[in-house]
Amino acid sequence: MVPVELTTPIIPHHVCMKGTEQKPVHYAALTDKVGQGVSCSIYGQRSSTCRKFEAGSKDCIKARKIHGLPELSFS
């Protein structure tokens, strides 16, 4: 279960992760600096959206482009 202090209400019974509703997006549980090595401070409690996110996926590529990072290489 995601800690309530790291969520923002959207509509009754629905929340988003704090920071993902902003531009630029910066998820509140990320530690350190994007592009220099980040980690999730609540990894064991992360949301279902985070659990479904896969490195190298279309969403990953999109997020990396937003931050000016190259696509991941799995070689």
C-alpha atoms as a PDB file:
ATOM      1  CA  MET A   1       0.000   0.000   0.000  1.00  0.00           C
ATOM      2  CA  VAL A   2       1.374   3.379  -1.032  1.00  0.00           C
ATOM      3  CA  PRO A   3       1.732   5.798   1.905  1.00  0.00           C
ATOM      4  CA  VAL A   4      -1.142   8.301   1.728  1.00  0.00           C
ATOM      5  CA  GLU A   5       1.219  11.270   2.126  1.00  0.00           C
ATOM      6  CA  LEU A   6       2.739  10.373  -1.258  1.00  0.00           C
ATOM      7  CA  THR A   7      -0.612  10.526  -3.073  1.00  0.00           C
ATOM      8  CA  THR A   8      -2.829  13.283  -4.457  1.00  0.00           C
ATOM      9  CA  PRO A   9      -6.631  12.836  -4.647  1.00  0.00           C
ATOM     10  CA  ILE A  10      -8.001  12.946  -8.206  1.00  0.00           C
ATOM     11  CA  ILE A  11     -11.655  11.958  -7.730  1.00  0.00           C
ATOM     12  CA  PRO A  12     -13.335  10.098  -4.878  1.00  0.00           C
ATOM     13  CA  HIS A  13     -11.608   6.728  -4.384  1.00  0.00           C
ATOM     14  CA  HIS A  14      -8.878   7.508  -6.965  1.00  0.00           C
ATOM     15  CA  VAL A  15      -5.459   8.995  -6.326  1.00  0.00           C
ATOM     16  CA  CYS A  16      -2.268   9.543  -8.248  1.00  0.00           C
ATOM     17  CA  MET A  17       1.287   9.485  -7.019  1.00  0.00           C
ATOM     18  CA  LYS A  18       2.267  12.935  -5.743  1.00  0.00           C
ATOM     19  CA  GLY A  19       4.278  14.746  -8.388  1.00  0.00           C
ATOM     20  CA  THR A  20       2.851  12.879 -11.377  1.00  0.00           C
ATOM     21  CA  GLU A  21       0.032  15.410 -11.749  1.00  0.00           C
ATOM     22  CA  GLN A  22       2.524  18.258 -12.323  1.00  0.00           C
ATOM     23  CA  LYS A  23       4.540  19.505 -15.263  1.00  0.00           C
ATOM     24  CA  PRO A  24       7.337  18.615 -15.289  1.00  0.00           C
ATOM     25  CA  VAL A  25       6.462  15.285 -13.711  1.00  0.00           C
ATOM     26  CA  HIS A  26       8.593  14.317 -10.730  1.00  0.00           C
ATOM     27  CA  TYR A  27       7.399  11.389  -8.680  1.00  0.00           C
ATOM     28  CA  ALA A  28       7.696  12.239  -4.970  1.00  0.00           C
ATOM     29  CA  ALA A  29       9.241   8.893  -3.941  1.00  0.00           C
ATOM     30  CA  LEU A  30      12.177   9.102  -6.365  1.00  0.00           C
ATOM     31  CA  THR A  31      15.468   9.772  -4.650  1.00  0.00           C
ATOM     32  CA  ASP A  32      18.564  11.369  -6.179  1.00  0.00           C
ATOM     33  CA  LYS A  33      18.603  12.993  -9.626  1.00  0.00           C
ATOM     34  CA  VAL A  34      17.090  11.687 -12.870  1.00  0.00           C
ATOM     35  CA  GLY A  35      19.869  10.782 -15.276  1.00  0.00           C
ATOM     36  CA  GLN A  36      22.395  10.249 -12.503  1.00  0.00           C
ATOM     37  CA  GLY A  37      20.875   7.218 -10.820  1.00  0.00           C
ATOM     38  CA  VAL A  38      17.514   7.254  -9.074  1.00  0.00           C
ATOM     39  CA  SER A  39      15.725   4.811  -6.865  1.00  0.00           C
ATOM     40  CA  CYS A  40      12.273   4.548  -5.331  1.00  0.00           C
ATOM     41  CA  SER A  41      12.098   5.172  -1.599  1.00  0.00           C
ATOM     42  CA  ILE A  42       8.949   3.010  -1.323  1.00  0.00           C
ATOM     43  CA  TYR A  43       9.859   0.278  -3.823  1.00  0.00           C
ATOM     44  CA  GLY A  44       8.205  -2.481  -1.782  1.00  0.00           C
ATOM     45  CA  GLN A  45       5.047  -0.395  -1.484  1.00  0.00           C
ATOM     46  CA  ARG A  46       5.004   1.060  -5.003  1.00  0.00           C
ATOM     47  CA  SER A  47       1.731   1.456  -6.901  1.00  0.00           C
ATOM     48  CA  SER A  48       0.347  -0.996  -9.441  1.00  0.00           C
ATOM     49  CA  THR A  49       1.193   1.517 -12.186  1.00  0.00           C
ATOM     50  CA  CYS A  50       4.854   1.415 -11.152  1.00  0.00           C
ATOM     51  CA  ARG A  51       4.802  -2.378 -10.881  1.00  0.00           C
ATOM     52  CA  LYS A  52       3.592  -2.613 -14.504  1.00  0.00           C
ATOM     53  CA  PHE A  53       6.221  -0.175 -15.852  1.00  0.00           C
ATOM     54  CA  GLU A  54       8.939  -2.044 -17.747  1.00  0.00           C
ATOM     55  CA  ALA A  55      12.443  -0.826 -18.564  1.00  0.00           C
ATOM     56  CA  GLY A  56      12.783  -0.395 -22.323  1.00  0.00           C
ATOM     57  CA  SER A  57       9.007  -0.211 -22.930  1.00  0.00           C
ATOM     58  CA  LYS A  58       7.344   2.528 -25.003  1.00  0.00           C
ATOM     59  CA  ASP A  59       6.487   4.359 -21.777  1.00  0.00           C
ATOM     60  CA  CYS A  60      10.091   4.052 -20.615  1.00  0.00           C
ATOM     61  CA  ILE A  61      11.407   5.441 -23.906  1.00  0.00           C
ATOM     62  CA  LYS A  62       8.920   8.331 -23.687  1.00  0.00           C
ATOM     63  CA  ALA A  63       9.923   9.161 -20.092  1.00  0.00           C
ATOM     64  CA  ARG A  64      13.622   9.017 -20.939  1.00  0.00           C
ATOM     65  CA  LYS A  65      13.114  11.379 -23.916  1.00  0.00           C
ATOM     66  CA  ILE A  66      11.314  13.879 -21.678  1.00  0.00           C
ATOM     67  CA  HIS A  67      14.416  13.958 -19.476  1.00  0.00           C
ATOM     68  CA  GLY A  68      16.839  14.093 -22.417  1.00  0.00           C
ATOM     69  CA  LEU A  69      18.131  10.553 -21.819  1.00  0.00           C
ATOM     70  CA  PRO A  70      18.932   7.969 -24.507  1.00  0.00           C
ATOM     71  CA  GLU A  71      17.015   4.716 -24.890  1.00  0.00           C
ATOM     72  CA  LEU A  72      18.271   1.834 -22.742  1.00  0.00           C
ATOM     73  CA  SER A  73      20.607  -0.704 -24.292  1.00  0.00           C
ATOM     74  CA  PHE A  74      20.250  -4.323 -23.220  1.00  0.00           C
ATOM     75  CA  SER A  75      23.324  -5.755 -24.933  1.00  0.00           C
END
